[in-house]
Amino acid sequence: MVPGSDGAGEVIEVGSKVAEFKKGDQVATLFNQGHQYGDVDTYAAGTGLGGVIDGTLREYGVFNEQGLVKAPRNLDAREASTLSCAALTSWNALYGLKPLKPGQVVLVQGTGGVSMFGLQVSAQLIYCIRMDPANTGCCIVRQSRWCNSYRDHIFHLEGRGAQEARC
């Protein structure tokens, strides 16, 4: 087994039936190669990179064209490779089945990849709140671009929920 679920790189060869990509395209992998949308079924659950099938920590890989997407042009392969798992997890949590609306409060705990992407993709919201790494209740709040300023605020939740925590 080859570990690694997130990856990006350059297409160096394509099969005769490939329609979506050509040699030289910059691409990123999908975490579950067989899951395009909707509920994860038994088949899709068996197509996770780095688990059931060989992952991305290798120099070359062969992928079905449905298991890749074109990488954003403004990102290099290293940057684009971070989108497959953490970024999409954050996006789905914020905008998936029950999308957030501007003005709602987001509380993301920790400083891992999902939390950091959560802060970035929730920039349209009025308040983005991140717990500190030690979980002491100290938070950093950044007002988003929809507000009048871009200042940071540090405060303590003091046992209050995210809805009650305001600057």
Foldseek 3Di string as FASTA:
>chain_A
DAAAQFFKDFACDDDPPDDPDDGGFIKIFAQQLPDDDDDQDPNSVCRGDRPNDDHDPDDDDDHDPSGMDGFDPVDDGVVSRLCRPLLVVLCCVQCNPDHDDAADEEEAEADDSNLVSNQVVCLSHQWYWYADHVNPQWIWIFGHPVDPDGDIDIDGCVPPDRVPDDD
